[in-house]
């Protein structure tokens, strides 16, 4: 299965300004927040992770009843992103998930591919 998502960085920047920590806590894990906030342009990192979470959800074809924090986007030492599932999603999906994320000055995009075991 394949999932993709693109989002305007300004949409996430606006959410960060308008809702601040409440938005962060609803969508991102503590590790994601620490990583994004350490960046010179955190809105780009937040937008890329938002798009990645959407791409993974689309690839998994998840229904209602899941939390944004159940899909965590982390970074290897090499810089490559990877996915960690938590909660109900971890229990339900054991497939190998590949993720690629990128951003320009205006948009963030992610593609997720699920390998069935």
Protein backbone atom coordinates (compact mmCIF):
# COMPACT_ATOMS: atom_id res chain seq x y z
CA UNK A 1 0.00 0.00 0.00
CA UNK A 2 1.13 3.55 -0.70
CA UNK A 3 0.15 6.80 1.00
CA UNK A 4 1.15 10.37 0.19
CA UNK A 5 0.42 13.78 1.63
CA UNK A 6 1.44 17.36 0.99
CA UNK A 7 0.80 20.33 3.25
CA UNK A 8 1.54 24.03 3.14
CA UNK A 9 4.07 24.89 5.82
CA UNK A 10 2.18 28.12 6.57
CA UNK A 11 -0.89 26.08 7.64
CA UNK A 12 1.17 24.35 10.31
CA UNK A 13 2.91 27.61 11.25
CA UNK A 14 -0.52 29.22 11.73
CA UNK A 15 -1.66 26.30 13.91
CA UNK A 16 1.50 26.58 16.00
CA UNK A 17 0.94 30.31 16.52
CA UNK A 18 -2.79 30.00 17.15
CA UNK A 19 -2.86 26.87 19.34
CA UNK A 20 0.78 26.50 20.47
CA UNK A 21 1.50 23.71 22.92
CA UNK A 22 -2.09 22.42 22.72
CA UNK A 23 -1.66 21.69 19.00
CA UNK A 24 1.76 20.14 19.55
CA UNK A 25 0.50 17.87 22.34
CA UNK A 26 -2.47 16.70 20.26
CA UNK A 27 -0.47 15.77 17.16
CA UNK A 28 3.15 15.10 18.11
CA UNK A 29 5.06 12.95 20.58
CA UNK A 30 7.53 14.44 23.06
CA UNK A 31 10.46 13.19 20.94
CA UNK A 32 9.00 14.83 17.82
CA UNK A 33 8.40 18.10 19.67
CA UNK A 34 11.97 18.14 21.03
CA UNK A 35 13.39 17.50 17.55
CA UNK A 36 11.23 20.11 15.81
CA UNK A 37 11.69 22.79 18.46
CA UNK A 38 15.49 22.42 18.24
CA UNK A 39 15.38 23.51 14.58
CA UNK A 40 15.94 27.05 13.29
CA UNK A 41 12.68 26.66 11.34
CA UNK A 42 10.53 24.34 13.47
CA UNK A 43 7.43 24.89 11.31
CA UNK A 44 9.16 23.04 8.46
CA UNK A 45 9.93 20.05 10.69
CA UNK A 46 6.40 20.02 12.15
CA UNK A 47 4.85 20.23 8.66
CA UNK A 48 7.02 17.40 7.34
CA UNK A 49 6.05 15.16 10.25
CA UNK A 50 2.37 16.07 9.86
CA UNK A 51 2.50 15.08 6.19
CA UNK A 52 4.35 11.88 7.09
CA UNK A 53 1.73 10.90 9.67
CA UNK A 54 -1.01 11.51 7.10
CA UNK A 55 0.86 9.46 4.48
CA UNK A 56 1.28 6.55 6.89
CA UNK A 57 -2.39 6.68 7.92
CA UNK A 58 -3.42 6.64 4.26
CA UNK A 59 -1.11 3.73 3.44
CA UNK A 60 -2.40 1.74 6.42
CA UNK A 61 -5.96 2.72 5.49
CA UNK A 62 -6.75 3.38 9.14
CA UNK A 63 -10.30 4.06 10.17
CA UNK A 64 -11.54 6.48 12.79
CA UNK A 65 -10.47 5.93 16.36
CA UNK A 66 -6.71 6.48 16.07
CA UNK A 67 -4.56 9.16 17.62
CA UNK A 68 -1.97 11.29 15.85
CA UNK A 69 0.55 10.27 18.51
CA UNK A 70 0.18 6.61 17.55
CA UNK A 71 2.25 7.40 14.46
CA UNK A 72 5.66 8.72 15.44
CA UNK A 73 8.21 9.96 12.92
CA UNK A 74 11.77 9.74 14.21
CA UNK A 75 15.19 10.22 12.63
CA UNK A 76 18.09 7.76 12.39
CA UNK A 77 21.67 8.92 12.93
CA UNK A 78 22.04 8.90 9.16
CA UNK A 79 19.23 11.45 8.92
CA UNK A 80 16.75 9.02 7.38
CA UNK A 81 13.25 9.18 8.86
CA UNK A 82 11.53 6.11 10.22
CA UNK A 83 8.12 5.25 11.66
CA UNK A 84 7.26 3.89 15.10
CA UNK A 85 3.66 2.84 15.75
CA UNK A 86 2.10 3.00 19.21
CA UNK A 87 -1.16 2.00 20.86
CA UNK A 88 -3.92 0.44 18.77
CA UNK A 89 -2.02 0.94 15.54
CA UNK A 90 0.98 -1.00 16.86
CA UNK A 91 -1.32 -3.84 17.92
CA UNK A 92 -3.14 -3.92 14.57
CA UNK A 93 -0.31 -3.33 12.08
CA UNK A 94 2.97 -5.21 12.09
CA UNK A 95 3.92 -4.49 8.50
CA UNK A 96 7.20 -2.84 7.58
CA UNK A 97 6.64 0.87 6.92
CA UNK A 98 8.94 2.95 4.73
CA UNK A 99 8.71 6.74 4.79
CA UNK A 100 10.27 9.54 2.79
CA UNK A 101 9.75 13.19 3.71
CA UNK A 102 10.91 16.45 2.20
CA UNK A 103 10.04 20.13 2.14
CA UNK A 104 10.55 23.26 0.12
CA UNK A 105 10.18 26.79 1.42
CA UNK A 106 6.41 26.54 1.09
CA UNK A 107 5.34 22.89 1.22
CA UNK A 108 6.12 19.63 2.97
CA UNK A 109 5.51 16.24 1.36
CA UNK A 110 5.71 12.63 2.50
CA UNK A 111 5.32 9.25 0.85
CA UNK A 112 4.80 6.02 2.77
CA UNK A 113 5.02 2.48 1.42
CA UNK A 114 3.82 -0.53 3.41
CA UNK A 115 5.49 -3.91 2.89
CA UNK A 116 3.17 -6.77 3.79
CA UNK A 117 4.89 -9.54 5.73
